[in-house]
Amino acid sequence: MKRPIVAFMALVIAAGASVGAYMAVKDKKKTEDKKAEEQAQSLVLFNFDPDSINKLEITAEGEHYTIEKPDEKWVVTEGEAFPIEQDYITLIRTYASDLTATAEYDGHKADYGLDSPETVTLYNDETSYTLNVGILSPTSDYFYVNTGDRDGIFAIPSISGSNLGLSREFLRSKAITQFTDKDIVKYIFKKDGEVTLTLETDSNGSWLAPVGYEKFSFDYSNMSSMTTTITRIIIQDIVEHHPADLSKYGLDKPKGEVFITGADGTEEHILISEPYGDRVYSYVYLYDDDQVVSCYTGDVDFIDYTASDFATSNFTAERYDNISGFELSYDGRNDSFTIDNENNKGTCNGTEFDLTGDAGTAFQTFYTSFTNLSIVSLDNGKGPELKDPAMTAVLHGTPDGDITYQLMDKDDKSAYLFINGEYSGYIVSTESLSGKNSLIYFFERFRDSIGVE
C-alpha cells in the first residue's frame, strides 16, 4: 500500500512545483506589463479636450503670433496679422490633444534641433500645453520634440509633425480672398491702369448692369457665378512674403488687377501676372497681405472678363406671334411678309401659307435664324456710322410700333447691330446668316415648302 501513497505524494509535489513556476512566470509578466505600461505612459505627451483650447501662441520662422477666436473665426491678435486657415487650427488642436511619442532619447538638444525649436503653446481656461518641435529625423519618419514640462527628447511620427507645422505657409488661409460670396458688393477690374469693368450690387444685394452698360440686357446669374468661383479659388503655393521685387514675378506690370469691396466697406486689392510654367500657373499678389502666391491660371481667368461675359447670350427681336408682318432685305433679295396670328395664316410675297404644320415649322425656323442672333461682344462707345447694311428687317405691328433692325459687317464673322438707325452697341455673330443651317438655307427650305421662288 505504500507505493500508491508515494506515487500520489510525488504527483502533489510535482503539481506544487508547476504551480510555483506558473506563479513565478505570472509575477514576472505582471512586472513586465507594469513596466511596459509605465513606459507607454511616459510617451504620452498630451491628453486634453481639443475643444477646450481657446488660444494659441506660436513662434515660427522668427515670428511670434497669438491666435484667438473672439467671434466665429480664429484671428491673429498679436504679431503681424494674416488670414488664418481655420481648419488648420483645428488640426493643430486635434493632433496635439492626444499626442503620443514612439520613442524617447537622451542627448544634446542641439542635435535634435531643440535648442531653437518652433513652438506652439495651447491654452484653455485651466492650463497650458507647450510643444517644441525640432528637426526631422534622417529617415524622415519622425520629428524630434519635447514639451514645456518635460526635458526629454521624444520622437513623434512625421505625419503628426506635419500637422503641427507652424510656418506661415501652413497657417495662412489658402483662399485667394477672405470674403464669402455673400460679402462681396463691388468689383473694379483694371488693365494698364484703366478701368475695364465695374460691377456692384444694389441695396438689396442684387447685381446691377455693369457701369456704363445699363442699356444692355444681362444674365445676372453670371455675376453671382463669378463671385462664387472667386471666393473658392485655392492658393497652390505661398511664394514670398514681403517681396522686395515684384518684377521677378511679372507683377510690376501685371496682366490685370481687381479691387474687391465687402459689405462692411473693406477692400482687397489683387494683382495677377501673365501665366508662367507652360501657362499652367499665374502669380498673384495679395496687396493687403503683401504676399505673392501662385494659382492655377484657369482659376484666375476672371481678370479678362468684360461686360460681354455677363450679357445675355443672344439678342432676340420680337417673336413672330407678336407682329403683323415684316420686310427682309438680304443677299440681294427683298421679301415681304404678313402675319395673321389670329387665323394662323401668313403671306410671303403675296403667297399664302399656314403658320401650322410643316410650312409653319419651316417659317418659324427661318424667322428665328435672323431674329435670334448670338452676341459676340458689347460696345458702349459711339460706334460706326450706318452704311451699306448687309441685312435689313423691318418688323410691323410690334407693341412699340415698327422696328427696323440692320446689320453692318464688322468682319467676316460678326456685324454691328443697328436698331431704328441707331447703333445698339451689340456686335453679333453672322455665322447664322449664310451657309448650311443658316438664314439662306432655312429661307430656301421655307420657300420650297410653299412654292415661292
Protein backbone atom coordinates (compact mmCIF):
# COMPACT_ATOMS: atom_id res chain seq x y z
CA MET A 1 0.00 0.00 0.00
CA LYS A 2 2.96 2.36 0.40
CA ARG A 3 3.73 2.55 -3.30
CA PRO A 4 0.41 4.26 -4.31
CA ILE A 5 0.82 6.74 -1.45
CA VAL A 6 4.36 7.54 -2.54
CA ALA A 7 3.22 7.96 -6.12
CA PHE A 8 0.39 10.24 -5.02
CA MET A 9 2.78 12.40 -2.97
CA ALA A 10 5.09 12.67 -5.93
CA LEU A 11 2.23 13.98 -8.03
CA VAL A 12 1.33 16.53 -5.36
CA ILE A 13 4.93 17.76 -5.16
CA ALA A 14 5.15 17.97 -8.95
CA ALA A 15 1.90 19.87 -9.13
CA GLY A 16 3.12 22.24 -6.46
CA ALA A 17 6.30 22.84 -8.40
CA SER A 18 4.26 23.57 -11.54
CA VAL A 19 2.02 26.00 -9.70
CA GLY A 20 5.04 27.69 -8.25
CA ALA A 21 6.63 28.02 -11.68
CA TYR A 22 3.36 29.34 -13.08
CA MET A 23 3.06 31.92 -10.32
CA ALA A 24 6.64 33.00 -10.86
CA VAL A 25 6.00 33.49 -14.59
CA LYS A 26 2.78 35.29 -13.83
CA ASP A 27 4.51 37.65 -11.39
CA LYS A 28 7.24 38.31 -13.94
CA LYS A 29 4.68 39.09 -16.64
CA LYS A 30 2.86 41.44 -14.28
CA THR A 31 6.13 43.23 -13.64
CA GLU A 32 6.91 43.42 -17.35
CA ASP A 33 3.37 44.59 -18.18
CA LYS A 34 3.56 47.25 -15.48
CA LYS A 35 6.93 48.39 -16.78
CA ALA A 36 5.62 48.46 -20.35
CA GLU A 37 2.53 50.39 -19.21
CA GLU A 38 4.72 52.89 -17.36
CA GLN A 39 6.95 53.21 -20.41
CA ALA A 40 3.96 53.69 -22.69
CA GLN A 41 2.53 56.24 -20.29
CA SER A 42 5.82 58.10 -20.28
CA LEU A 43 5.49 58.54 -24.04
CA VAL A 44 2.09 60.25 -23.75
CA LEU A 45 2.95 63.90 -24.26
CA PHE A 46 -0.53 65.44 -24.11
CA ASN A 47 -4.05 64.31 -23.33
CA PHE A 48 -6.71 67.02 -23.28
CA ASP A 49 -10.01 68.01 -24.88
CA PRO A 50 -9.17 69.80 -28.16
CA ASP A 51 -12.38 71.83 -27.98
CA SER A 52 -11.27 73.34 -24.69
CA ILE A 53 -8.43 75.24 -26.38
CA ASN A 54 -9.23 78.92 -26.79
CA LYS A 55 -5.83 80.43 -27.51
CA LEU A 56 -2.55 79.52 -29.22
CA GLU A 57 0.85 81.16 -29.12
CA ILE A 58 3.16 80.21 -31.98
CA THR A 59 6.80 81.05 -32.58
CA ALA A 60 7.99 80.08 -36.05
CA GLU A 61 10.48 81.37 -38.61
CA GLY A 62 11.49 84.14 -36.25
CA GLU A 63 7.94 85.41 -35.89
CA HIS A 64 5.61 85.23 -32.89
CA TYR A 65 1.84 85.07 -33.19
CA THR A 66 -1.00 84.93 -30.73
CA ILE A 67 -4.11 83.37 -32.25
CA GLU A 68 -7.52 83.61 -30.63
CA LYS A 69 -11.17 83.23 -31.56
CA PRO A 70 -13.04 86.33 -30.37
CA ASP A 71 -16.02 85.61 -32.62
CA GLU A 72 -16.60 82.88 -35.19
CA LYS A 73 -13.08 82.80 -36.66
CA TRP A 74 -9.54 82.32 -35.40
CA VAL A 75 -7.54 85.51 -35.93
CA VAL A 76 -4.05 86.81 -35.14
CA THR A 77 -4.43 89.08 -32.11
CA GLU A 78 -0.70 89.71 -31.55
CA GLY A 79 2.04 89.77 -34.16
CA GLU A 80 1.83 90.57 -37.86
CA ALA A 81 -1.74 89.75 -38.87
CA PHE A 82 -2.64 87.47 -41.76
CA PRO A 83 -5.78 85.46 -42.58
CA ILE A 84 -5.78 82.16 -40.70
CA GLU A 85 -6.57 78.76 -42.23
CA GLN A 86 -9.39 77.83 -39.86
CA ASP A 87 -9.23 74.09 -40.50
CA TYR A 88 -5.50 74.04 -39.78
CA ILE A 89 -6.03 75.40 -36.29
CA THR A 90 -8.47 72.52 -35.77
CA LEU A 91 -5.76 70.10 -36.93
CA ILE A 92 -3.20 71.54 -34.51
CA ARG A 93 -5.60 71.26 -31.58
CA THR A 94 -6.70 67.75 -32.55
CA TYR A 95 -3.25 66.26 -33.14
CA ALA A 96 -1.79 67.85 -30.02
CA SER A 97 -4.67 66.75 -27.81
CA ASP A 98 -3.66 63.08 -27.72
CA LEU A 99 -0.07 63.31 -28.89
CA THR A 100 1.99 60.20 -28.11
CA ALA A 101 5.67 59.71 -28.91
CA THR A 102 7.11 56.49 -30.33
CA ALA A 103 10.44 56.72 -28.50
CA GLU A 104 12.44 58.78 -26.02
CA TYR A 105 16.14 59.67 -26.42
CA ASP A 106 18.98 61.02 -24.38
CA GLY A 107 21.38 63.52 -25.83
CA HIS A 108 22.00 67.17 -26.53
CA LYS A 109 19.01 69.23 -27.62
CA ALA A 110 21.03 70.90 -30.34
CA ASP A 111 21.49 67.55 -32.08
CA TYR A 112 17.74 67.34 -32.46
CA GLY A 113 17.03 70.95 -33.38
CA LEU A 114 15.54 71.60 -29.96
CA ASP A 115 17.97 74.36 -28.98
CA SER A 116 15.96 76.76 -31.21
CA PRO A 117 12.67 74.97 -31.92
CA GLU A 118 9.40 76.06 -33.44
CA THR A 119 6.99 76.34 -30.53
CA VAL A 120 3.25 76.16 -30.03
CA THR A 121 1.54 76.72 -26.70
CA LEU A 122 -2.12 75.81 -26.45
CA TYR A 123 -4.27 77.36 -23.70
CA ASN A 124 -7.58 76.50 -22.13
CA ASP A 125 -9.21 78.12 -19.12
CA GLU A 126 -7.25 75.95 -16.69
CA THR A 127 -3.74 75.36 -18.00
CA SER A 128 -1.41 75.45 -21.00
CA TYR A 129 0.45 72.88 -23.09
CA THR A 130 3.73 73.76 -24.78
CA LEU A 131 5.26 71.68 -27.56
CA ASN A 132 8.68 72.40 -29.01
CA VAL A 133 9.23 70.98 -32.50
CA GLY A 134 12.77 70.27 -33.68
CA ILE A 135 14.17 68.78 -36.87
CA LEU A 136 13.04 65.85 -38.99
CA SER A 137 14.81 62.53 -38.42
CA PRO A 138 17.35 61.36 -41.04
CA THR A 139 14.84 58.80 -42.32
CA SER A 140 12.08 61.45 -42.44
CA ASP A 141 9.88 59.17 -40.32
CA TYR A 142 9.89 61.31 -37.19
CA PHE A 143 10.06 64.82 -35.80
CA TYR A 144 12.00 65.38 -32.60
CA VAL A 145 10.07 67.25 -29.92
CA ASN A 146 9.87 67.99 -26.24
CA THR A 147 7.32 69.68 -24.04
CA GLY A 148 7.31 72.63 -21.73
CA ASP A 149 7.20 70.48 -18.59
CA ARG A 150 9.41 67.55 -19.68
CA ASP A 151 13.02 67.86 -20.66
CA GLY A 152 13.33 64.57 -22.53
CA ILE A 153 13.70 64.25 -26.27
CA PHE A 154 10.88 62.43 -27.99
CA ALA A 155 10.16 61.21 -31.50
CA ILE A 156 6.67 61.68 -32.96
CA PRO A 157 5.53 60.32 -36.35
CA SER A 158 6.23 62.81 -39.11
CA ILE A 159 2.56 62.81 -40.11
CA SER A 160 1.78 64.29 -36.70
CA GLY A 161 4.64 66.72 -37.04
CA SER A 162 3.43 67.89 -40.43
CA ASN A 163 0.01 68.52 -38.96
CA LEU A 164 1.76 70.56 -36.31
CA GLY A 165 3.58 72.58 -38.96
CA LEU A 166 3.98 76.06 -37.56
CA SER A 167 5.14 78.05 -40.57
CA ARG A 168 3.19 80.92 -42.11
CA GLU A 169 2.76 78.74 -45.20
CA PHE A 170 0.76 76.20 -43.21
CA LEU A 171 -1.12 78.67 -41.05
CA ARG A 172 -2.21 81.14 -43.73
CA SER A 173 -5.63 80.73 -45.31
CA LYS A 174 -5.39 79.18 -48.78
CA ALA A 175 -8.33 81.21 -50.11
CA ILE A 176 -7.43 83.99 -52.53
CA THR A 177 -9.99 86.29 -50.89
CA GLN A 178 -11.23 86.38 -47.33
CA PHE A 179 -14.71 87.47 -48.41
CA THR A 180 -17.53 84.97 -48.78
CA ASP A 181 -19.78 85.09 -51.83
CA LYS A 182 -22.41 86.79 -49.64
CA ASP A 183 -19.98 89.52 -48.56
CA ILE A 184 -18.91 90.96 -51.91
CA VAL A 185 -20.77 94.06 -53.13
CA LYS A 186 -18.43 95.55 -55.73
CA TYR A 187 -15.64 94.77 -58.20
CA ILE A 188 -13.39 97.14 -60.12
CA PHE A 189 -11.26 95.48 -62.81
CA LYS A 190 -8.28 97.28 -64.31
CA LYS A 191 -5.76 96.70 -67.08
CA ASP A 192 -2.79 99.01 -67.69
CA GLY A 193 -4.22 101.27 -65.02
CA GLU A 194 -7.51 101.75 -66.87
CA VAL A 195 -10.85 100.52 -65.54
CA THR A 196 -12.21 97.78 -67.82
CA LEU A 197 -15.24 96.68 -65.79
CA THR A 198 -17.17 97.83 -62.73
CA LEU A 199 -19.79 95.61 -61.10
CA GLU A 200 -21.79 96.39 -57.98
CA THR A 201 -24.95 95.42 -56.15
CA ASP A 202 -27.95 97.48 -55.13
CA SER A 203 -29.04 97.96 -51.52
CA ASN A 204 -30.79 94.57 -51.60
CA GLY A 205 -27.67 92.73 -52.70
CA SER A 206 -28.84 92.20 -56.30
CA TRP A 207 -26.31 92.72 -59.06
CA LEU A 208 -26.75 95.70 -61.37
CA ALA A 209 -25.75 96.13 -65.01
CA PRO A 210 -22.03 96.92 -65.39
CA VAL A 211 -21.38 100.64 -65.04
CA GLY A 212 -21.71 102.29 -68.46
CA TYR A 213 -23.62 99.34 -69.95
CA GLU A 214 -27.05 99.98 -68.48
CA LYS A 215 -28.81 99.87 -71.88
CA PHE A 216 -27.87 96.21 -72.44
CA SER A 217 -29.54 93.05 -71.21
CA PHE A 218 -27.60 90.86 -68.76
CA ASP A 219 -27.77 87.44 -67.20
CA TYR A 220 -27.17 88.45 -63.59
CA SER A 221 -26.69 84.84 -62.52
CA ASN A 222 -23.33 85.03 -64.35
CA MET A 223 -22.19 87.69 -61.86
CA SER A 224 -23.21 85.50 -58.93
CA SER A 225 -21.43 82.52 -60.52
CA MET A 226 -18.21 84.52 -60.91
CA THR A 227 -18.40 85.60 -57.27
CA THR A 228 -18.88 82.01 -56.13
CA THR A 229 -15.88 80.95 -58.23
CA ILE A 230 -13.60 83.71 -56.90
CA THR A 231 -14.38 83.01 -53.25
CA ARG A 232 -13.50 79.34 -53.76
CA ILE A 233 -10.14 79.80 -55.51
CA ILE A 234 -7.42 77.91 -53.64
CA ILE A 235 -3.83 79.15 -53.47
CA GLN A 236 -1.46 76.49 -54.79
CA ASP A 237 1.74 77.85 -53.25
CA ILE A 238 2.81 80.56 -50.81
CA VAL A 239 5.69 82.06 -52.78
CA GLU A 240 7.12 85.06 -50.93
CA HIS A 241 6.09 87.27 -48.04
CA HIS A 242 7.06 90.97 -48.16
CA PRO A 243 8.50 90.67 -51.69
CA ALA A 244 11.23 93.21 -52.39
CA ASP A 245 10.92 92.97 -56.17
CA LEU A 246 7.60 92.27 -57.86
CA SER A 247 9.20 92.39 -61.30
CA LYS A 248 10.66 88.88 -60.93
CA TYR A 249 7.07 87.64 -60.87
CA GLY A 250 5.87 89.90 -63.68
CA LEU A 251 3.73 91.74 -61.15
CA ASP A 252 5.30 95.15 -61.68
CA LYS A 253 3.33 95.17 -64.95
CA PRO A 254 0.51 92.75 -64.17
CA LYS A 255 -1.89 91.27 -66.65
CA GLY A 256 -4.63 92.90 -64.62
CA GLU A 257 -5.81 93.85 -61.17
CA VAL A 258 -9.08 93.75 -59.28
CA PHE A 259 -10.39 95.66 -56.29
CA ILE A 260 -12.99 93.71 -54.29
CA THR A 261 -15.21 95.50 -51.78
CA GLY A 262 -17.14 93.83 -49.00
CA ALA A 263 -20.45 94.82 -47.45
CA ASP A 264 -18.55 96.19 -44.43
CA GLY A 265 -16.67 98.63 -46.67
CA THR A 266 -13.31 96.85 -46.51
CA GLU A 267 -11.43 96.35 -49.76
CA GLU A 268 -8.97 93.79 -51.11
CA HIS A 269 -6.55 94.60 -53.91
CA ILE A 270 -5.22 91.73 -56.05
CA LEU A 271 -2.67 91.76 -58.90
CA ILE A 272 -2.47 88.88 -61.39
CA SER A 273 0.52 88.12 -63.61
CA GLU A 274 0.71 86.70 -67.08
CA PRO A 275 0.77 82.87 -66.95
CA TYR A 276 4.06 81.04 -66.42
CA GLY A 277 5.18 77.39 -66.26
CA ASP A 278 3.63 76.29 -69.57
CA ARG A 279 0.84 78.75 -68.73
CA VAL A 280 -0.48 76.42 -66.05
CA TYR A 281 0.12 78.87 -63.19
CA SER A 282 -0.10 82.60 -62.58
CA TYR A 283 1.45 84.65 -59.81
CA VAL A 284 -0.98 86.59 -57.65
CA TYR A 285 0.00 89.48 -55.40
CA LEU A 286 -2.29 89.93 -52.42
CA TYR A 287 -1.63 93.61 -51.92
CA ASP A 288 -3.14 93.99 -48.46
CA ASP A 289 -1.25 90.95 -47.15
CA ASP A 290 1.97 91.86 -49.03
CA GLN A 291 2.12 88.25 -50.19
CA VAL A 292 2.98 86.64 -53.54
CA VAL A 293 1.20 83.34 -54.14
CA SER A 294 0.58 81.15 -57.16
CA CYS A 295 -2.75 79.90 -58.52
CA TYR A 296 -3.91 77.87 -61.47
CA THR A 297 -4.25 80.21 -64.46
CA GLY A 298 -7.69 78.81 -65.20
CA ASP A 299 -8.83 79.84 -61.73
CA VAL A 300 -7.87 83.49 -62.19
CA ASP A 301 -9.06 83.96 -65.77
CA PHE A 302 -11.78 86.25 -64.41
CA ILE A 303 -9.22 89.04 -64.80
CA ASP A 304 -10.03 89.02 -68.54
CA TYR A 305 -13.78 89.42 -68.06
CA THR A 306 -15.60 92.27 -69.77
CA ALA A 307 -19.24 93.33 -69.72
CA SER A 308 -19.83 90.92 -72.61
CA ASP A 309 -19.17 87.95 -70.35
CA PHE A 310 -22.27 88.82 -68.35
CA ALA A 311 -24.55 89.74 -71.24
CA THR A 312 -27.41 87.53 -72.29
CA SER A 313 -26.05 85.11 -74.85
CA ASN A 314 -28.44 86.10 -77.65
CA PHE A 315 -30.09 89.24 -78.97
CA THR A 316 -33.71 88.43 -79.76
CA ALA A 317 -36.07 90.65 -81.77
CA GLU A 318 -39.86 90.42 -81.46
CA ARG A 319 -41.38 86.97 -81.79
CA TYR A 320 -43.33 86.30 -84.99
CA ASP A 321 -46.54 85.83 -82.99
CA ASN A 322 -46.19 89.38 -81.68
CA ILE A 323 -46.03 91.19 -85.05
CA SER A 324 -48.29 91.75 -88.06
CA GLY A 325 -45.65 91.41 -90.75
CA PHE A 326 -42.12 92.31 -91.87
CA GLU A 327 -39.86 93.10 -94.81
CA LEU A 328 -36.50 91.42 -95.16
CA SER A 329 -33.64 92.58 -97.38
CA TYR A 330 -30.67 90.23 -97.56
CA ASP A 331 -28.37 88.62 -100.11
CA GLY A 332 -29.79 90.71 -102.95
CA ARG A 333 -33.41 89.80 -102.13
CA ASN A 334 -36.28 91.97 -100.91
CA ASP A 335 -39.13 89.92 -99.48
CA SER A 336 -42.38 90.96 -97.83
CA PHE A 337 -44.45 89.07 -95.28
CA THR A 338 -47.76 89.47 -93.47
CA ILE A 339 -48.67 87.61 -90.31
CA ASP A 340 -52.24 86.84 -89.22
CA ASN A 341 -51.72 85.17 -85.87
CA GLU A 342 -55.43 85.06 -85.09
CA ASN A 343 -56.09 82.79 -88.07
CA ASN A 344 -52.66 81.12 -88.14
CA LYS A 345 -52.03 82.40 -91.65
CA GLY A 346 -49.32 84.39 -93.35
CA THR A 347 -48.18 85.54 -96.76
CA CYS A 348 -44.76 85.61 -98.40
CA ASN A 349 -44.60 87.96 -101.40
CA GLY A 350 -48.37 87.53 -101.73
CA THR A 351 -48.40 83.72 -101.47
CA GLU A 352 -50.42 82.47 -98.51
CA PHE A 353 -49.14 79.83 -96.13
CA ASP A 354 -50.23 78.24 -92.84
CA LEU A 355 -48.49 79.02 -89.58
CA THR A 356 -49.15 75.44 -88.57
CA GLY A 357 -47.91 72.13 -89.94
CA ASP A 358 -44.72 71.71 -91.96
CA ALA A 359 -44.94 75.15 -93.56
CA GLY A 360 -45.39 76.77 -90.16
CA THR A 361 -42.40 74.90 -88.74
CA ALA A 362 -40.24 75.89 -91.74
CA PHE A 363 -41.31 79.53 -91.35
CA GLN A 364 -40.56 79.62 -87.63
CA THR A 365 -37.08 78.17 -88.18
CA PHE A 366 -36.39 80.71 -90.93
CA TYR A 367 -37.69 83.63 -88.83
CA THR A 368 -35.59 82.62 -85.81
CA SER A 369 -32.43 82.47 -87.93
CA PHE A 370 -32.29 86.25 -88.36
CA THR A 371 -34.15 87.48 -85.24
CA ASN A 372 -32.21 85.44 -82.66
CA LEU A 373 -28.53 86.35 -83.01
CA SER A 374 -25.57 85.26 -80.89
CA ILE A 375 -23.87 88.18 -79.11
CA VAL A 376 -20.11 88.39 -79.68
CA SER A 377 -19.38 91.48 -77.59
CA LEU A 378 -20.76 94.76 -76.30
CA ASP A 379 -19.62 98.24 -77.26
CA ASN A 380 -20.75 101.24 -75.22
CA GLY A 381 -18.87 103.69 -77.43
CA LYS A 382 -20.27 105.90 -80.17
CA GLY A 383 -19.80 103.18 -82.74
CA PRO A 384 -19.60 103.40 -86.54
CA GLU A 385 -21.99 105.21 -88.88
CA LEU A 386 -24.50 103.02 -90.67
CA LYS A 387 -23.75 102.44 -94.34
CA ASP A 388 -24.25 99.57 -96.76
CA PRO A 389 -26.17 97.32 -94.35
CA ALA A 390 -25.79 93.62 -95.10
CA MET A 391 -29.31 92.90 -93.80
CA THR A 392 -32.37 94.98 -93.04
CA ALA A 393 -35.50 93.66 -91.32
CA VAL A 394 -38.47 95.95 -90.68
CA LEU A 395 -40.96 94.45 -88.23
CA HIS A 396 -44.52 95.82 -88.23
CA GLY A 397 -47.19 95.80 -85.55
CA THR A 398 -44.95 95.33 -82.51
CA PRO A 399 -46.12 96.77 -79.17
CA ASP A 400 -43.66 99.63 -79.78
CA GLY A 401 -44.66 100.15 -83.43
CA ASP A 402 -42.48 99.45 -86.42
CA ILE A 403 -38.89 98.48 -85.58
CA THR A 404 -36.02 98.34 -88.06
CA TYR A 405 -33.06 96.01 -87.42
CA GLN A 406 -29.96 96.33 -89.58
CA LEU A 407 -26.62 94.55 -89.65
CA MET A 408 -23.42 96.13 -90.95
CA ASP A 409 -20.45 93.81 -91.40
CA LYS A 410 -17.63 94.24 -88.89
CA ASP A 411 -15.56 91.33 -90.19
CA ASP A 412 -16.25 88.01 -91.88
CA LYS A 413 -17.80 86.54 -88.72
CA SER A 414 -19.54 89.44 -86.95
CA ALA A 415 -21.62 92.55 -87.56
CA TYR A 416 -22.70 95.76 -85.84
CA LEU A 417 -26.40 95.79 -84.95
CA PHE A 418 -28.39 98.96 -85.56
CA ILE A 419 -31.92 99.48 -84.25
CA ASN A 420 -34.05 102.16 -85.89
CA GLY A 421 -30.92 103.60 -87.46
CA GLU A 422 -29.04 103.91 -84.16
CA TYR A 423 -26.00 101.85 -83.21
CA SER A 424 -27.14 99.43 -80.49
CA GLY A 425 -23.71 98.58 -79.13
CA TYR A 426 -24.30 94.87 -79.80
CA ILE A 427 -21.81 93.07 -82.01
CA VAL A 428 -23.42 89.84 -83.16
CA SER A 429 -22.29 86.72 -84.95
CA THR A 430 -23.15 86.43 -88.66
CA GLU A 431 -22.46 82.71 -88.81
CA SER A 432 -26.19 82.01 -88.68
CA LEU A 433 -26.85 84.08 -91.81
CA SER A 434 -25.11 82.10 -94.54
CA GLY A 435 -24.06 78.53 -95.25
CA LYS A 436 -25.70 75.35 -94.00
CA ASN A 437 -28.22 75.69 -91.18
CA SER A 438 -28.45 79.44 -91.73
CA LEU A 439 -30.85 82.16 -92.86
CA ILE A 440 -30.27 81.43 -96.56
CA TYR A 441 -30.62 77.69 -96.09
CA PHE A 442 -33.77 77.88 -93.97
CA PHE A 443 -35.35 80.57 -96.21
CA GLU A 444 -34.88 78.35 -99.26
CA ARG A 445 -36.46 75.39 -97.44
CA PHE A 446 -39.41 77.59 -96.39
CA ARG A 447 -39.92 78.93 -99.92
CA ASP A 448 -39.78 75.41 -101.31
CA SER A 449 -42.46 74.32 -98.82
CA ILE A 450 -44.93 76.97 -100.07
CA GLY A 451 -43.85 77.12 -103.72
CA VAL A 452 -42.29 80.60 -103.80
CA GLU A 453 -39.16 81.38 -105.82
